[in-house]
Amino acid sequence: MGAVQDSYITVAWLVLLVVLLVIEIITVGLTTIWGAGGALAALILNILDVPFAGQVVAFFIVTILLLVFTRPFAMRFINTRRLKTNYEGIIGKTIRISQKVDNIGQTGMAVVNGTEWTVRSEQDDVILDPGTLAKVVNISGVKLIVKKYEED
């Protein structure tokens, strides 16, 4: 292979490395960093005059190995202090019913964290009057599924 072609391949690996790193910096989601590692390995092999086919193979092998062996480890330590979303934070919460909960009559409301929610009882035969305390056991679509609150 000629020196001109080698320099184009070197530049191509370098551009790929930079593009993947820039995407990773922008997204910060551990999505392209593994490919950047593969591009770096291929770039090093290119500098060491390894044939292009070997560079491509090394790119894929290093990328896959990094993805398989380091991603699970990295994901364990990224976002370890993730906050629960509104949805996750409501389950298990004790709420006060603001409108009579009657599954058969399809009524029931409660305000949770300043947001009004449609409420349904866990059991169709249980009716909860306004002012009653209930515990959120699940969320189905946009409805809170509750059971009557009982002190532990």
Protein backbone atom coordinates (compact mmCIF):
# COMPACT_ATOMS: atom_id res chain seq x y z
CA MET A 1 0.00 0.00 0.00
CA GLY A 2 1.32 3.45 -0.83
CA ALA A 3 2.31 6.08 1.68
CA VAL A 4 -0.53 8.35 0.50
CA GLN A 5 -3.15 5.64 1.12
CA ASP A 6 -1.60 4.88 4.53
CA SER A 7 -1.86 8.53 5.52
CA TYR A 8 -5.52 8.64 4.43
CA ILE A 9 -6.26 5.57 6.55
CA THR A 10 -4.41 7.10 9.51
CA VAL A 11 -6.46 10.28 9.15
CA ALA A 12 -9.66 8.24 8.79
CA TRP A 13 -9.00 6.36 12.06
CA LEU A 14 -8.11 9.63 13.78
CA VAL A 15 -11.28 11.33 12.50
CA LEU A 16 -13.40 8.36 13.59
CA LEU A 17 -11.78 8.48 17.04
CA VAL A 18 -12.45 12.21 17.41
CA VAL A 19 -16.04 11.98 16.10
CA LEU A 20 -16.87 9.14 18.50
CA LEU A 21 -15.32 11.02 21.43
CA VAL A 22 -17.23 14.20 20.57
CA ILE A 23 -20.50 12.25 20.37
CA GLU A 24 -19.73 10.69 23.75
CA ILE A 25 -18.99 14.08 25.30
CA ILE A 26 -22.25 15.49 23.94
CA THR A 27 -24.44 12.55 24.97
CA VAL A 28 -22.62 11.38 28.13
CA GLY A 29 -24.48 8.10 27.83
CA LEU A 30 -21.68 5.60 27.40
CA THR A 31 -22.79 4.92 23.84
CA THR A 32 -19.80 5.59 21.59
CA ILE A 33 -16.85 5.44 23.96
CA TRP A 34 -16.41 1.74 23.19
CA GLY A 35 -16.04 2.46 19.46
CA ALA A 36 -13.55 5.21 20.28
CA GLY A 37 -11.43 2.60 22.07
CA GLY A 38 -11.60 0.39 19.00
CA ALA A 39 -10.65 3.31 16.73
CA LEU A 40 -7.68 4.08 18.98
CA ALA A 41 -6.51 0.46 18.78
CA ALA A 42 -6.85 0.51 14.97
CA LEU A 43 -4.99 3.84 14.79
CA ILE A 44 -2.11 2.41 16.83
CA LEU A 45 -1.97 -0.67 14.58
CA ASN A 46 -1.98 1.61 11.53
CA ILE A 47 1.00 3.52 12.91
CA LEU A 48 2.74 0.16 13.48
CA ASP A 49 2.15 -0.72 9.78
CA VAL A 50 -0.29 -3.57 10.43
CA PRO A 51 -2.32 -4.29 7.25
CA PHE A 52 -5.69 -2.54 6.94
CA ALA A 53 -7.67 -5.79 7.35
CA GLY A 54 -5.96 -6.36 10.70
CA GLN A 55 -6.83 -2.81 11.75
CA VAL A 56 -10.52 -3.35 10.95
CA VAL A 57 -10.57 -6.67 12.79
CA ALA A 58 -8.86 -5.05 15.80
CA PHE A 59 -11.37 -2.18 15.71
CA PHE A 60 -14.32 -4.58 16.00
CA ILE A 61 -12.68 -6.92 18.51
CA VAL A 62 -11.59 -4.11 20.86
CA THR A 63 -14.98 -2.37 20.56
CA ILE A 64 -16.89 -5.56 21.37
CA LEU A 65 -14.55 -6.53 24.21
CA LEU A 66 -14.84 -3.07 25.78
CA LEU A 67 -18.60 -3.15 25.39
CA VAL A 68 -19.00 -6.62 26.89
CA PHE A 69 -16.51 -6.36 29.74
CA THR A 70 -16.47 -2.73 30.84
CA ARG A 71 -19.98 -1.42 30.14
CA PRO A 72 -21.73 -3.39 32.94
CA PHE A 73 -19.03 -2.27 35.39
CA ALA A 74 -19.26 1.36 34.25
CA MET A 75 -23.07 1.43 34.31
CA ARG A 76 -23.02 0.31 37.94
CA PHE A 77 -21.13 3.45 38.91
CA ILE A 78 -22.75 5.96 36.58
CA ASN A 79 -25.94 7.61 37.88
CA THR A 80 -25.74 5.79 41.22
CA ARG A 81 -27.56 8.70 42.81
CA ARG A 82 -30.35 8.75 40.24
CA LEU A 83 -33.43 10.43 41.57
CA LYS A 84 -36.71 8.62 41.35
CA THR A 85 -39.08 10.08 38.81
CA ASN A 86 -42.49 11.37 39.88
CA TYR A 87 -43.91 8.05 38.79
CA GLU A 88 -41.53 5.92 40.86
CA GLY A 89 -41.67 8.19 43.89
CA ILE A 90 -45.44 7.96 44.22
CA ILE A 91 -45.67 4.18 44.63
CA GLY A 92 -45.81 3.39 48.34
CA LYS A 93 -46.81 6.92 49.27
CA THR A 94 -49.77 7.61 51.56
CA ILE A 95 -52.26 10.02 49.99
CA ARG A 96 -55.56 11.68 50.96
CA ILE A 97 -58.52 11.00 48.68
CA SER A 98 -60.15 14.22 47.38
CA GLN A 99 -63.05 12.66 45.42
CA LYS A 100 -64.92 9.44 46.24
CA VAL A 101 -63.11 6.42 44.80
CA ASP A 102 -65.61 4.04 43.23
CA ASN A 103 -64.30 1.75 40.50
CA ILE A 104 -67.75 0.76 39.31
CA GLY A 105 -68.86 4.40 39.13
CA GLN A 106 -65.47 5.30 37.61
CA THR A 107 -64.83 8.12 40.07
CA GLY A 108 -61.92 9.01 42.27
CA MET A 109 -59.31 11.75 42.53
CA ALA A 110 -56.39 12.73 44.73
CA VAL A 111 -53.75 15.42 44.64
CA VAL A 112 -50.20 14.10 44.92
CA ASN A 113 -47.25 16.49 44.95
CA GLY A 114 -49.46 19.23 43.55
CA THR A 115 -50.71 17.10 40.66
CA GLU A 116 -54.28 15.82 40.44
CA TRP A 117 -54.48 12.11 39.69
CA THR A 118 -57.32 9.79 38.79
CA VAL A 119 -57.55 7.14 41.51
CA ARG A 120 -58.92 3.61 41.45
CA SER A 121 -59.13 1.10 44.25
CA GLU A 122 -57.10 -2.08 44.15
CA GLN A 123 -60.37 -3.99 44.67
CA ASP A 124 -63.55 -3.12 42.79
CA ASP A 125 -65.78 -3.61 45.84
CA VAL A 126 -63.86 -1.12 48.03
CA ILE A 127 -65.13 2.47 48.05
CA LEU A 128 -62.99 5.23 49.57
CA ASP A 129 -64.66 8.46 50.68
CA PRO A 130 -63.07 11.92 50.41
CA GLY A 131 -60.60 12.57 53.23
CA THR A 132 -59.73 8.86 53.54
CA LEU A 133 -56.05 7.98 53.60
CA ALA A 134 -54.90 5.47 51.01
CA LYS A 135 -51.59 3.92 50.03
CA VAL A 136 -50.50 3.91 46.37
CA VAL A 137 -49.71 0.33 45.37
CA ASN A 138 -49.34 0.75 41.62
CA ILE A 139 -49.82 3.07 38.69
CA SER A 140 -51.77 1.98 35.65
CA GLY A 141 -51.41 4.45 32.81
CA VAL A 142 -52.45 7.76 34.38
CA LYS A 143 -54.36 6.20 37.29
CA LEU A 144 -53.12 5.59 40.79
CA ILE A 145 -54.11 2.19 42.12
CA VAL A 146 -54.61 2.42 45.88
CA LYS A 147 -55.65 0.44 48.90
CA LYS A 148 -57.09 1.81 52.11
CA TYR A 149 -54.32 2.96 54.40
CA GLU A 150 -53.80 0.85 57.50
CA GLU A 151 -51.19 1.80 60.09
CA ASP A 152 -48.43 -0.76 60.45
